[in-house]
PDB file of N, CA and C in Angstrom:
ATOM      1  N   UNK A   1     101.782  92.805 124.478  1.00  0.00           N
ATOM      2  CA  UNK A   1     101.286  94.066 123.983  1.00  0.00           C
ATOM      3  C   UNK A   1     101.537  94.173 122.484  1.00  0.00           C
ATOM      4  N   UNK A   2     100.545  94.652 121.775  1.00  0.00           N
ATOM      5  CA  UNK A   2     100.664  94.905 120.350  1.00  0.00           C
ATOM      6  C   UNK A   2     101.059  96.357 120.134  1.00  0.00           C
ATOM      7  N   UNK A   3     101.815  96.603 119.077  1.00  0.00           N
ATOM      8  CA  UNK A   3     102.098  97.961 118.639  1.00  0.00           C
ATOM      9  C   UNK A   3     101.525  98.102 117.242  1.00  0.00           C
ATOM     10  N   UNK A   4     100.755  99.167 117.034  1.00  0.00           N
ATOM     11  CA  UNK A   4     100.134  99.409 115.740  1.00  0.00           C
ATOM     12  C   UNK A   4     100.656 100.718 115.172  1.00  0.00           C
ATOM     13  N   UNK A   5     101.232 100.650 113.979  1.00  0.00           N
ATOM     14  CA  UNK A   5     101.650 101.839 113.242  1.00  0.00           C
ATOM     15  C   UNK A   5     100.504 102.171 112.305  1.00  0.00           C
ATOM     16  N   UNK A   6      99.963 103.373 112.448  1.00  0.00           N
ATOM     17  CA  UNK A   6      98.749 103.685 111.712  1.00  0.00           C
ATOM     18  C   UNK A   6      98.686 105.145 111.298  1.00  0.00           C
ATOM     19  N   UNK A   7      97.724 105.404 110.458  1.00  0.00           N
ATOM     20  CA  UNK A   7      97.355 106.738 110.022  1.00  0.00           C
ATOM     21  C   UNK A   7      95.911 106.923 110.481  1.00  0.00           C
ATOM     22  N   UNK A   8      95.657 107.900 111.304  1.00  0.00           N
ATOM     23  CA  UNK A   8      94.328 108.105 111.870  1.00  0.00           C
ATOM     24  C   UNK A   8      93.237 108.371 110.858  1.00  0.00           C
ATOM     25  N   UNK A   9      93.597 108.735 109.643  1.00  0.00           N
ATOM     26  CA  UNK A   9      92.605 109.005 108.598  1.00  0.00           C
ATOM     27  C   UNK A   9      92.296 107.770 107.749  1.00  0.00           C
ATOM     28  N   UNK A  10      93.007 106.699 107.977  1.00  0.00           N
ATOM     29  CA  UNK A  10      92.911 105.496 107.143  1.00  0.00           C
ATOM     30  C   UNK A  10      91.712 104.636 107.559  1.00  0.00           C
ATOM     31  N   UNK A  11      90.876 104.275 106.602  1.00  0.00           N
ATOM     32  CA  UNK A  11      89.696 103.456 106.907  1.00  0.00           C
ATOM     33  C   UNK A  11      90.083 102.065 107.395  1.00  0.00           C
ATOM     34  N   UNK A  12      91.147 101.491 106.859  1.00  0.00           N
ATOM     35  CA  UNK A  12      91.596 100.166 107.318  1.00  0.00           C
ATOM     36  C   UNK A  12      92.099 100.231 108.757  1.00  0.00           C
ATOM     37  N   UNK A  13      92.740 101.339 109.125  1.00  0.00           N
ATOM     38  CA  UNK A  13      93.199 101.518 110.502  1.00  0.00           C
ATOM     39  C   UNK A  13      92.002 101.613 111.443  1.00  0.00           C
ATOM     40  N   UNK A  14      90.977 102.316 111.020  1.00  0.00           N
ATOM     41  CA  UNK A  14      89.774 102.436 111.846  1.00  0.00           C
ATOM     42  C   UNK A  14      89.109 101.076 112.029  1.00  0.00           C
ATOM     43  N   UNK A  15      89.055 100.276 110.974  1.00  0.00           N
ATOM     44  CA  UNK A  15      88.505  98.916 111.075  1.00  0.00           C
ATOM     45  C   UNK A  15      89.327  98.080 112.053  1.00  0.00           C
ATOM     46  N   UNK A  16      90.639  98.227 111.986  1.00  0.00           N
ATOM     47  CA  UNK A  16      91.515  97.479 112.884  1.00  0.00           C
ATOM     48  C   UNK A  16      91.263  97.862 114.342  1.00  0.00           C
ATOM     49  N   UNK A  17      91.076  99.153 114.607  1.00  0.00           N
ATOM     50  CA  UNK A  17      90.786  99.594 115.973  1.00  0.00           C
ATOM     51  C   UNK A  17      89.559  98.878 116.517  1.00  0.00           C
ATOM     52  N   UNK A  18      88.534  98.749 115.683  1.00  0.00           N
ATOM     53  CA  UNK A  18      87.312  98.055 116.117  1.00  0.00           C
ATOM     54  C   UNK A  18      87.617  96.606 116.481  1.00  0.00           C
ATOM     55  N   UNK A  19      88.467  95.956 115.683  1.00  0.00           N
ATOM     56  CA  UNK A  19      88.824  94.558 115.946  1.00  0.00           C
ATOM     57  C   UNK A  19      89.651  94.398 117.222  1.00  0.00           C
ATOM     58  N   UNK A  20      90.417  95.420 117.583  1.00  0.00           N
ATOM     59  CA  UNK A  20      91.326  95.320 118.726  1.00  0.00           C
ATOM     60  C   UNK A  20      90.749  95.908 120.015  1.00  0.00           C
ATOM     61  N   UNK A  21      89.483  96.286 120.007  1.00  0.00           N
ATOM     62  CA  UNK A  21      88.854  96.840 121.209  1.00  0.00           C
ATOM     63  C   UNK A  21      89.080  95.907 122.403  1.00  0.00           C
ATOM     64  N   UNK A  22      89.455  96.475 123.534  1.00  0.00           N
ATOM     65  CA  UNK A  22      89.631  95.713 124.759  1.00  0.00           C
ATOM     66  C   UNK A  22      90.965  95.005 124.897  1.00  0.00           C
ATOM     67  N   UNK A  23      91.865  95.153 123.952  1.00  0.00           N
ATOM     68  CA  UNK A  23      93.191  94.535 124.035  1.00  0.00           C
ATOM     69  C   UNK A  23      94.221  95.576 124.459  1.00  0.00           C
ATOM     70  N   UNK A  24      95.338  95.088 124.986  1.00  0.00           N
ATOM     71  CA  UNK A  24      96.442  95.957 125.390  1.00  0.00           C
ATOM     72  C   UNK A  24      97.225  96.331 124.135  1.00  0.00           C
ATOM     73  N   UNK A  25      96.947  97.513 123.601  1.00  0.00           N
ATOM     74  CA  UNK A  25      97.533  97.932 122.329  1.00  0.00           C
ATOM     75  C   UNK A  25      98.146  99.324 122.474  1.00  0.00           C
ATOM     76  N   UNK A  26      99.352  99.465 121.957  1.00  0.00           N
ATOM     77  CA  UNK A  26     100.020 100.764 121.888  1.00  0.00           C
ATOM     78  C   UNK A  26      99.932 101.221 120.439  1.00  0.00           C
ATOM     79  N   UNK A  27      99.437 102.435 120.213  1.00  0.00           N
ATOM     80  CA  UNK A  27      99.299 102.969 118.860  1.00  0.00           C
ATOM     81  C   UNK A  27     100.358 104.026 118.602  1.00  0.00           C
ATOM     82  N   UNK A  28     100.947 103.971 117.418  1.00  0.00           N
ATOM     83  CA  UNK A  28     101.922 104.984 117.018  1.00  0.00           C
ATOM     84  C   UNK A  28     101.446 105.605 115.716  1.00  0.00           C
ATOM     85  N   UNK A  29     101.149 106.880 115.769  1.00  0.00           N
ATOM     86  CA  UNK A  29     100.690 107.623 114.607  1.00  0.00           C
ATOM     87  C   UNK A  29     101.932 108.041 113.832  1.00  0.00           C
ATOM     88  N   UNK A  30     102.329 107.251 112.851  1.00  0.00           N
ATOM     89  CA  UNK A  30     103.631 107.421 112.215  1.00  0.00           C
ATOM     90  C   UNK A  30     103.758 108.684 111.387  1.00  0.00           C
ATOM     91  N   UNK A  31     102.642 109.336 111.062  1.00  0.00           N
ATOM     92  CA  UNK A  31     102.762 110.597 110.330  1.00  0.00           C
ATOM     93  C   UNK A  31     103.266 111.715 111.248  1.00  0.00           C
ATOM     94  N   UNK A  32     103.006 111.600 112.543  1.00  0.00           N
ATOM     95  CA  UNK A  32     103.499 112.592 113.499  1.00  0.00           C
ATOM     96  C   UNK A  32     104.859 112.197 114.059  1.00  0.00           C
ATOM     97  N   UNK A  33     105.107 110.909 114.155  1.00  0.00           N
ATOM     98  CA  UNK A  33     106.374 110.384 114.672  1.00  0.00           C
ATOM     99  C   UNK A  33     106.985 109.474 113.615  1.00  0.00           C
ATOM    100  N   UNK A  34     107.563 110.048 112.562  1.00  0.00           N
ATOM    101  CA  UNK A  34     108.112 109.202 111.493  1.00  0.00           C
ATOM    102  C   UNK A  34     109.135 108.206 112.024  1.00  0.00           C
ATOM    103  N   UNK A  35     109.144 107.047 111.413  1.00  0.00           N
ATOM    104  CA  UNK A  35     110.082 106.002 111.795  1.00  0.00           C
ATOM    105  C   UNK A  35     111.445 106.268 111.170  1.00  0.00           C
ATOM    106  N   UNK A  36     112.478 105.810 111.828  1.00  0.00           N
ATOM    107  CA  UNK A  36     113.831 105.928 111.300  1.00  0.00           C
ATOM    108  C   UNK A  36     114.097 104.761 110.342  1.00  0.00           C
ATOM    109  N   UNK A  37     115.170 104.858 109.599  1.00  0.00           N
ATOM    110  CA  UNK A  37     115.575 103.762 108.720  1.00  0.00           C
ATOM    111  C   UNK A  37     115.791 102.496 109.539  1.00  0.00           C
ATOM    112  N   UNK A  38     116.410 102.635 110.700  1.00  0.00           N
ATOM    113  CA  UNK A  38     116.667 101.469 111.558  1.00  0.00           C
ATOM    114  C   UNK A  38     115.359 100.830 112.022  1.00  0.00           C
ATOM    115  N   UNK A  39     114.374 101.639 112.400  1.00  0.00           N
ATOM    116  CA  UNK A  39     113.067 101.109 112.819  1.00  0.00           C
ATOM    117  C   UNK A  39     112.368 100.413 111.658  1.00  0.00           C
ATOM    118  N   UNK A  40     112.481 100.996 110.480  1.00  0.00           N
ATOM    119  CA  UNK A  40     111.884 100.368 109.296  1.00  0.00           C
ATOM    120  C   UNK A  40     112.566  99.044 108.978  1.00  0.00           C
ATOM    121  N   UNK A  41     113.887  98.992 109.108  1.00  0.00           N
ATOM    122  CA  UNK A  41     114.610  97.738 108.872  1.00  0.00           C
ATOM    123  C   UNK A  41     114.170  96.670 109.866  1.00  0.00           C
ATOM    124  N   UNK A  42     113.961  97.060 111.107  1.00  0.00           N
ATOM    125  CA  UNK A  42     113.474  96.122 112.121  1.00  0.00           C
ATOM    126  C   UNK A  42     112.084  95.608 111.742  1.00  0.00           C
ATOM    127  N   UNK A  43     111.233  96.502 111.263  1.00  0.00           N
ATOM    128  CA  UNK A  43     109.903  96.074 110.806  1.00  0.00           C
ATOM    129  C   UNK A  43     110.006  95.089 109.651  1.00  0.00           C
ATOM    130  N   UNK A  44     110.901  95.367 108.715  1.00  0.00           N
ATOM    131  CA  UNK A  44     111.071  94.447 107.576  1.00  0.00           C
ATOM    132  C   UNK A  44     111.449  93.054 108.050  1.00  0.00           C
ATOM    133  N   UNK A  45     112.327  92.967 109.035  1.00  0.00           N
ATOM    134  CA  UNK A  45     112.725  91.672 109.578  1.00  0.00           C
ATOM    135  C   UNK A  45     111.520  90.964 110.190  1.00  0.00           C
ATOM    136  N   UNK A  46     110.741  91.687 110.986  1.00  0.00           N
ATOM    137  CA  UNK A  46     109.568  91.099 111.626  1.00  0.00           C
ATOM    138  C   UNK A  46     108.494  90.711 110.620  1.00  0.00           C
ATOM    139  N   UNK A  47     108.399  91.473 109.549  1.00  0.00           N
ATOM    140  CA  UNK A  47     107.431  91.190 108.491  1.00  0.00           C
ATOM    141  C   UNK A  47     107.918  90.102 107.531  1.00  0.00           C
ATOM    142  N   UNK A  48     109.223  89.830 107.574  1.00  0.00           N
ATOM    143  CA  UNK A  48     109.847  88.951 106.591  1.00  0.00           C
ATOM    144  C   UNK A  48     109.548  89.482 105.179  1.00  0.00           C
ATOM    145  N   UNK A  49     109.868  90.758 105.003  1.00  0.00           N
ATOM    146  CA  UNK A  49     109.512  91.461 103.773  1.00  0.00           C
ATOM    147  C   UNK A  49     110.694  92.250 103.241  1.00  0.00           C
ATOM    148  N   UNK A  50     110.522  92.767 102.042  1.00  0.00           N
ATOM    149  CA  UNK A  50     111.498  93.677 101.450  1.00  0.00           C
ATOM    150  C   UNK A  50     110.937  95.093 101.528  1.00  0.00           C
ATOM    151  N   UNK A  51     111.761  96.064 101.258  1.00  0.00           N
ATOM    152  CA  UNK A  51     111.352  97.465 101.397  1.00  0.00           C
ATOM    153  C   UNK A  51     110.141  97.799 100.525  1.00  0.00           C
ATOM    154  N   UNK A  52     110.108  97.320  99.312  1.00  0.00           N
ATOM    155  CA  UNK A  52     108.988  97.664  98.425  1.00  0.00           C
ATOM    156  C   UNK A  52     107.658  97.139  98.975  1.00  0.00           C
ATOM    157  N   UNK A  53     107.697  96.099  99.798  1.00  0.00           N
ATOM    158  CA  UNK A  53     106.479  95.535 100.377  1.00  0.00           C
ATOM    159  C   UNK A  53     105.795  96.491 101.347  1.00  0.00           C
ATOM    160  N   UNK A  54     106.547  97.436 101.914  1.00  0.00           N
ATOM    161  CA  UNK A  54     105.941  98.363 102.872  1.00  0.00           C
ATOM    162  C   UNK A  54     105.730  99.750 102.277  1.00  0.00           C
ATOM    163  N   UNK A  55     105.932  99.883 100.977  1.00  0.00           N
ATOM    164  CA  UNK A  55     105.775 101.174 100.315  1.00  0.00           C
ATOM    165  C   UNK A  55     104.431 101.224  99.597  1.00  0.00           C
ATOM    166  N   UNK A  56     103.710 102.299  99.836  1.00  0.00           N
ATOM    167  CA  UNK A  56     102.438 102.539  99.145  1.00  0.00           C
ATOM    168  C   UNK A  56     102.765 103.170  97.791  1.00  0.00           C
ATOM    169  N   UNK A  57     102.922 102.326  96.790  1.00  0.00           N
ATOM    170  CA  UNK A  57     103.330 102.795  95.467  1.00  0.00           C
ATOM    171  C   UNK A  57     102.224 103.556  94.737  1.00  0.00           C
ATOM    172  N   UNK A  58     101.010 103.504  95.247  1.00  0.00           N
ATOM    173  CA  UNK A  58      99.907 104.230  94.628  1.00  0.00           C
ATOM    174  C   UNK A  58      99.796 105.680  95.075  1.00  0.00           C
ATOM    175  N   UNK A  59     100.601 106.070  96.044  1.00  0.00           N
ATOM    176  CA  UNK A  59     100.571 107.459  96.522  1.00  0.00           C
ATOM    177  C   UNK A  59     101.159 108.399  95.471  1.00  0.00           C
ATOM    178  N   UNK A  60     100.600 109.588  95.385  1.00  0.00           N
ATOM    179  CA  UNK A  60     101.045 110.576  94.392  1.00  0.00           C
ATOM    180  C   UNK A  60     102.529 110.901  94.536  1.00  0.00           C
ATOM    181  N   UNK A  61     103.003 111.023  95.771  1.00  0.00           N
ATOM    182  CA  UNK A  61     104.415 111.351  95.980  1.00  0.00           C
ATOM    183  C   UNK A  61     105.325 110.254  95.429  1.00  0.00           C
ATOM    184  N   UNK A  62     104.896 109.009  95.507  1.00  0.00           N
ATOM    185  CA  UNK A  62     105.699 107.933  94.933  1.00  0.00           C
ATOM    186  C   UNK A  62     105.715 108.064  93.418  1.00  0.00           C
ATOM    187  N   UNK A  63     104.554 108.292  92.838  1.00  0.00           N
ATOM    188  CA  UNK A  63     104.451 108.403  91.381  1.00  0.00           C
ATOM    189  C   UNK A  63     105.295 109.545  90.838  1.00  0.00           C
ATOM    190  N   UNK A  64     105.301 110.667  91.547  1.00  0.00           N
ATOM    191  CA  UNK A  64     106.012 111.836  91.024  1.00  0.00           C
ATOM    192  C   UNK A  64     107.503 111.845  91.330  1.00  0.00           C
ATOM    193  N   UNK A  65     107.913 111.206  92.434  1.00  0.00           N
ATOM    194  CA  UNK A  65     109.320 111.306  92.828  1.00  0.00           C
ATOM    195  C   UNK A  65     110.132 110.025  92.675  1.00  0.00           C
ATOM    196  N   UNK A  66     109.456 108.852  92.670  1.00  0.00           N
ATOM    197  CA  UNK A  66     110.230 107.611  92.765  1.00  0.00           C
ATOM    198  C   UNK A  66     109.897 106.545  91.720  1.00  0.00           C
ATOM    199  N   UNK A  67     108.724 106.589  91.151  1.00  0.00           N
ATOM    200  CA  UNK A  67     108.254 105.494  90.303  1.00  0.00           C
ATOM    201  C   UNK A  67     109.162 105.221  89.104  1.00  0.00           C
ATOM    202  N   UNK A  68     109.785 106.245  88.573  1.00  0.00           N
ATOM    203  CA  UNK A  68     110.615 106.061  87.381  1.00  0.00           C
ATOM    204  C   UNK A  68     112.082 105.772  87.710  1.00  0.00           C
ATOM    205  N   UNK A  69     112.365 105.515  88.992  1.00  0.00           N
ATOM    206  CA  UNK A  69     113.739 105.258  89.418  1.00  0.00           C
ATOM    207  C   UNK A  69     113.891 103.814  89.895  1.00  0.00           C
ATOM    208  N   UNK A  70     115.086 103.292  89.747  1.00  0.00           N
ATOM    209  CA  UNK A  70     115.417 101.995  90.323  1.00  0.00           C
ATOM    210  C   UNK A  70     116.107 102.264  91.651  1.00  0.00           C
ATOM    211  N   UNK A  71     115.408 101.926  92.741  1.00  0.00           N
ATOM    212  CA  UNK A  71     115.918 102.239  94.069  1.00  0.00           C
ATOM    213  C   UNK A  71     116.308 100.982  94.831  1.00  0.00           C
ATOM    214  N   UNK A  72     117.358 101.087  95.616  1.00  0.00           N
ATOM    215  CA  UNK A  72     117.740  99.995  96.507  1.00  0.00           C
ATOM    216  C   UNK A  72     116.776  99.977  97.690  1.00  0.00           C
ATOM    217  N   UNK A  73     116.828  98.920  98.480  1.00  0.00           N
ATOM    218  CA  UNK A  73     115.995  98.866  99.683  1.00  0.00           C
ATOM    219  C   UNK A  73     116.296 100.037 100.598  1.00  0.00           C
ATOM    220  N   UNK A  74     117.562 100.356 100.772  1.00  0.00           N
ATOM    221  CA  UNK A  74     117.938 101.478 101.644  1.00  0.00           C
ATOM    222  C   UNK A  74     117.378 102.789 101.115  1.00  0.00           C
ATOM    223  N   UNK A  75     117.452 102.995  99.817  1.00  0.00           N
ATOM    224  CA  UNK A  75     116.901 104.222  99.225  1.00  0.00           C
ATOM    225  C   UNK A  75     115.383 104.278  99.401  1.00  0.00           C
ATOM    226  N   UNK A  76     114.715 103.145  99.266  1.00  0.00           N
ATOM    227  CA  UNK A  76     113.266 103.111  99.495  1.00  0.00           C
ATOM    228  C   UNK A  76     112.931 103.453 100.942  1.00  0.00           C
ATOM    229  N   UNK A  77     113.712 102.924 101.877  1.00  0.00           N
ATOM    230  CA  UNK A  77     113.464 103.232 103.290  1.00  0.00           C
ATOM    231  C   UNK A  77     113.678 104.716 103.577  1.00  0.00           C
ATOM    232  N   UNK A  78     114.682 105.308 102.957  1.00  0.00           N
ATOM    233  CA  UNK A  78     114.896 106.750 103.121  1.00  0.00           C
ATOM    234  C   UNK A  78     113.719 107.529 102.521  1.00  0.00           C
ATOM    235  N   UNK A  79     113.161 107.041 101.429  1.00  0.00           N
ATOM    236  CA  UNK A  79     111.981 107.687 100.839  1.00  0.00           C
ATOM    237  C   UNK A  79     110.809 107.657 101.820  1.00  0.00           C
ATOM    238  N   UNK A  80     110.638 106.537 102.535  1.00  0.00           N
ATOM    239  CA  UNK A  80     109.566 106.432 103.530  1.00  0.00           C
ATOM    240  C   UNK A  80     109.839 107.356 104.722  1.00  0.00           C
ATOM    241  N   UNK A  81     111.085 107.453 105.135  1.00  0.00           N
ATOM    242  CA  UNK A  81     111.433 108.373 106.229  1.00  0.00           C
ATOM    243  C   UNK A  81     111.114 109.812 105.811  1.00  0.00           C
ATOM    244  N   UNK A  82     111.466 110.161 104.593  1.00  0.00           N
ATOM    245  CA  UNK A  82     111.233 111.521 104.100  1.00  0.00           C
ATOM    246  C   UNK A  82     109.760 111.798 103.809  1.00  0.00           C
ATOM    247  N   UNK A  83     109.003 110.739 103.498  1.00  0.00           N
ATOM    248  CA  UNK A  83     107.587 110.855 103.133  1.00  0.00           C
ATOM    249  C   UNK A  83     106.799 109.764 103.857  1.00  0.00           C
ATOM    250  N   UNK A  84     106.507 109.950 105.128  1.00  0.00           N
ATOM    251  CA  UNK A  84     105.869 108.894 105.915  1.00  0.00           C
ATOM    252  C   UNK A  84     104.548 108.380 105.341  1.00  0.00           C
ATOM    253  N   UNK A  85     103.888 109.175 104.521  1.00  0.00           N
ATOM    254  CA  UNK A  85     102.633 108.743 103.908  1.00  0.00           C
ATOM    255  C   UNK A  85     102.840 107.501 103.036  1.00  0.00           C
ATOM    256  N   UNK A  86     104.088 107.238 102.654  1.00  0.00           N
ATOM    257  CA  UNK A  86     104.389 106.081 101.813  1.00  0.00           C
ATOM    258  C   UNK A  86     104.364 104.752 102.568  1.00  0.00           C
ATOM    259  N   UNK A  87     104.352 104.791 103.890  1.00  0.00           N
ATOM    260  CA  UNK A  87     104.370 103.546 104.668  1.00  0.00           C
ATOM    261  C   UNK A  87     103.026 102.846 104.593  1.00  0.00           C
ATOM    262  N   UNK A  88     103.053 101.567 104.254  1.00  0.00           N
ATOM    263  CA  UNK A  88     101.827 100.766 104.268  1.00  0.00           C
ATOM    264  C   UNK A  88     101.193 100.861 105.639  1.00  0.00           C
ATOM    265  N   UNK A  89      99.892 100.697 105.695  1.00  0.00           N
ATOM    266  CA  UNK A  89      99.184 100.797 106.961  1.00  0.00           C
ATOM    267  C   UNK A  89      97.947  99.934 106.968  1.00  0.00           C
ATOM    268  N   UNK A  90      97.555  99.518 108.115  1.00  0.00           N
ATOM    269  CA  UNK A  90      98.268  99.534 109.378  1.00  0.00           C
ATOM    270  C   UNK A  90      99.266  98.387 109.453  1.00  0.00           C
ATOM    271  N   UNK A  91     100.304  98.584 110.237  1.00  0.00           N
ATOM    272  CA  UNK A  91     101.265  97.516 110.525  1.00  0.00           C
ATOM    273  C   UNK A  91     101.127  97.202 112.010  1.00  0.00           C
ATOM    274  N   UNK A  92     100.968  95.911 112.306  1.00  0.00           N
ATOM    275  CA  UNK A  92     100.792  95.465 113.683  1.00  0.00           C
ATOM    276  C   UNK A  92     101.988  94.605 114.063  1.00  0.00           C
ATOM    277  N   UNK A  93     102.582  94.921 115.232  1.00  0.00           N
ATOM    278  CA  UNK A  93     103.744  94.181 115.726  1.00  0.00           C
ATOM    279  C   UNK A  93     103.355  93.495 117.032  1.00  0.00           C
ATOM    280  N   UNK A  94     103.690  92.211 117.104  1.00  0.00           N
ATOM    281  CA  UNK A  94     103.501  91.434 118.328  1.00  0.00           C
ATOM    282  C   UNK A  94     104.808  90.691 118.579  1.00  0.00           C
ATOM    283  N   UNK A  95     105.644  91.243 119.473  1.00  0.00           N
ATOM    284  CA  UNK A  95     106.934  90.626 119.760  1.00  0.00           C
ATOM    285  C   UNK A  95     107.846  90.686 118.554  1.00  0.00           C
ATOM    286  N   UNK A  96     108.273  89.514 118.070  1.00  0.00           N
ATOM    287  CA  UNK A  96     109.180  89.472 116.920  1.00  0.00           C
ATOM    288  C   UNK A  96     108.454  89.197 115.612  1.00  0.00           C
ATOM    289  N   UNK A  97     107.139  89.332 115.626  1.00  0.00           N
ATOM    290  CA  UNK A  97     106.331  89.125 114.421  1.00  0.00           C
ATOM    291  C   UNK A  97     105.569  90.398 114.096  1.00  0.00           C
ATOM    292  N   UNK A  98     105.322  90.584 112.820  1.00  0.00           N
ATOM    293  CA  UNK A  98     104.536  91.737 112.386  1.00  0.00           C
ATOM    294  C   UNK A  98     103.733  91.355 111.155  1.00  0.00           C
ATOM    295  N   UNK A  99     102.717  92.152 110.900  1.00  0.00           N
ATOM    296  CA  UNK A  99     101.878  91.918 109.733  1.00  0.00           C
ATOM    297  C   UNK A  99     101.360  93.255 109.226  1.00  0.00           C
ATOM    298  N   UNK A 100     101.241  93.362 107.912  1.00  0.00           N
ATOM    299  CA  UNK A 100     100.530  94.486 107.322  1.00  0.00           C
ATOM    300  C   UNK A 100      99.070  94.046 107.320  1.00  0.00           C
ATOM    301  N   UNK A 101      98.270  94.696 108.138  1.00  0.00           N
ATOM    302  CA  UNK A 101      96.892  94.255 108.367  1.00  0.00           C
ATOM    303  C   UNK A 101      95.941  94.799 107.309  1.00  0.00           C
ATOM    304  N   UNK A 102      96.141  94.346 106.102  1.00  0.00           N
ATOM    305  CA  UNK A 102      95.270  94.677 104.973  1.00  0.00           C
ATOM    306  C   UNK A 102      94.849  93.374 104.327  1.00  0.00           C
ATOM    307  N   UNK A 103      93.667  92.919 104.582  1.00  0.00           N
ATOM    308  CA  UNK A 103      92.596  93.530 105.367  1.00  0.00           C
ATOM    309  C   UNK A 103      92.877  93.400 106.864  1.00  0.00           C
ATOM    310  N   UNK A 104      92.197  94.221 107.665  1.00  0.00           N
ATOM    311  CA  UNK A 104      92.440  94.234 109.105  1.00  0.00           C
ATOM    312  C   UNK A 104      92.268  92.883 109.792  1.00  0.00           C
ATOM    313  N   UNK A 105      91.461  92.008 109.258  1.00  0.00           N
ATOM    314  CA  UNK A 105      91.230  90.685 109.849  1.00  0.00           C
ATOM    315  C   UNK A 105      92.486  89.850 109.887  1.00  0.00           C
ATOM    316  N   UNK A 106      93.496  90.184 109.108  1.00  0.00           N
ATOM    317  CA  UNK A 106      94.766  89.457 109.120  1.00  0.00           C
ATOM    318  C   UNK A 106      95.472  89.548 110.467  1.00  0.00           C
ATOM    319  N   UNK A 107      95.085  90.525 111.283  1.00  0.00           N
ATOM    320  CA  UNK A 107      95.722  90.690 112.587  1.00  0.00           C
ATOM    321  C   UNK A 107      95.579  89.438 113.440  1.00  0.00           C
ATOM    322  N   UNK A 108      94.567  88.663 113.226  1.00  0.00           N
ATOM    323  CA  UNK A 108      94.368  87.442 114.019  1.00  0.00           C
ATOM    324  C   UNK A 108      95.509  86.454 113.805  1.00  0.00           C
ATOM    325  N   UNK A 109      96.242  86.583 112.714  1.00  0.00           N
ATOM    326  CA  UNK A 109      97.366  85.695 112.441  1.00  0.00           C
ATOM    327  C   UNK A 109      98.526  85.857 113.418  1.00  0.00           C
ATOM    328  N   UNK A 110      98.602  87.011 114.104  1.00  0.00           N
ATOM    329  CA  UNK A 110      99.735  87.219 115.029  1.00  0.00           C
ATOM    330  C   UNK A 110      99.289  87.471 116.468  1.00  0.00           C
ATOM    331  N   UNK A 111      98.019  87.314 116.740  1.00  0.00           N
ATOM    332  CA  UNK A 111      97.552  87.506 118.131  1.00  0.00           C
ATOM    333  C   UNK A 111      97.919  86.324 118.990  1.00  0.00           C
TER     334      UNK A 111
END
């Protein structure tokens, strides 16, 4: 089973849904169910990434609250917990592997 962390308004998430039609997929709308720091750390391990890799630095909230600061990975994860819109999307998890599916076709790498 795949788990997809997504934003229902995101065009890339919608494209991914089309690609995953007919598969056993669990979707988590992270704006309604924000992830904890521990869940984000688990995602980082599966992604083999650092905190900044999952942060949408182009979002207005990042520009106004965080861009001029030097933040640790833990501080960045707390910023994502406090502002879920900052989480990159979509993120697809398959077992112990994950991918930021941008573009959505990258999902084939972990199927």
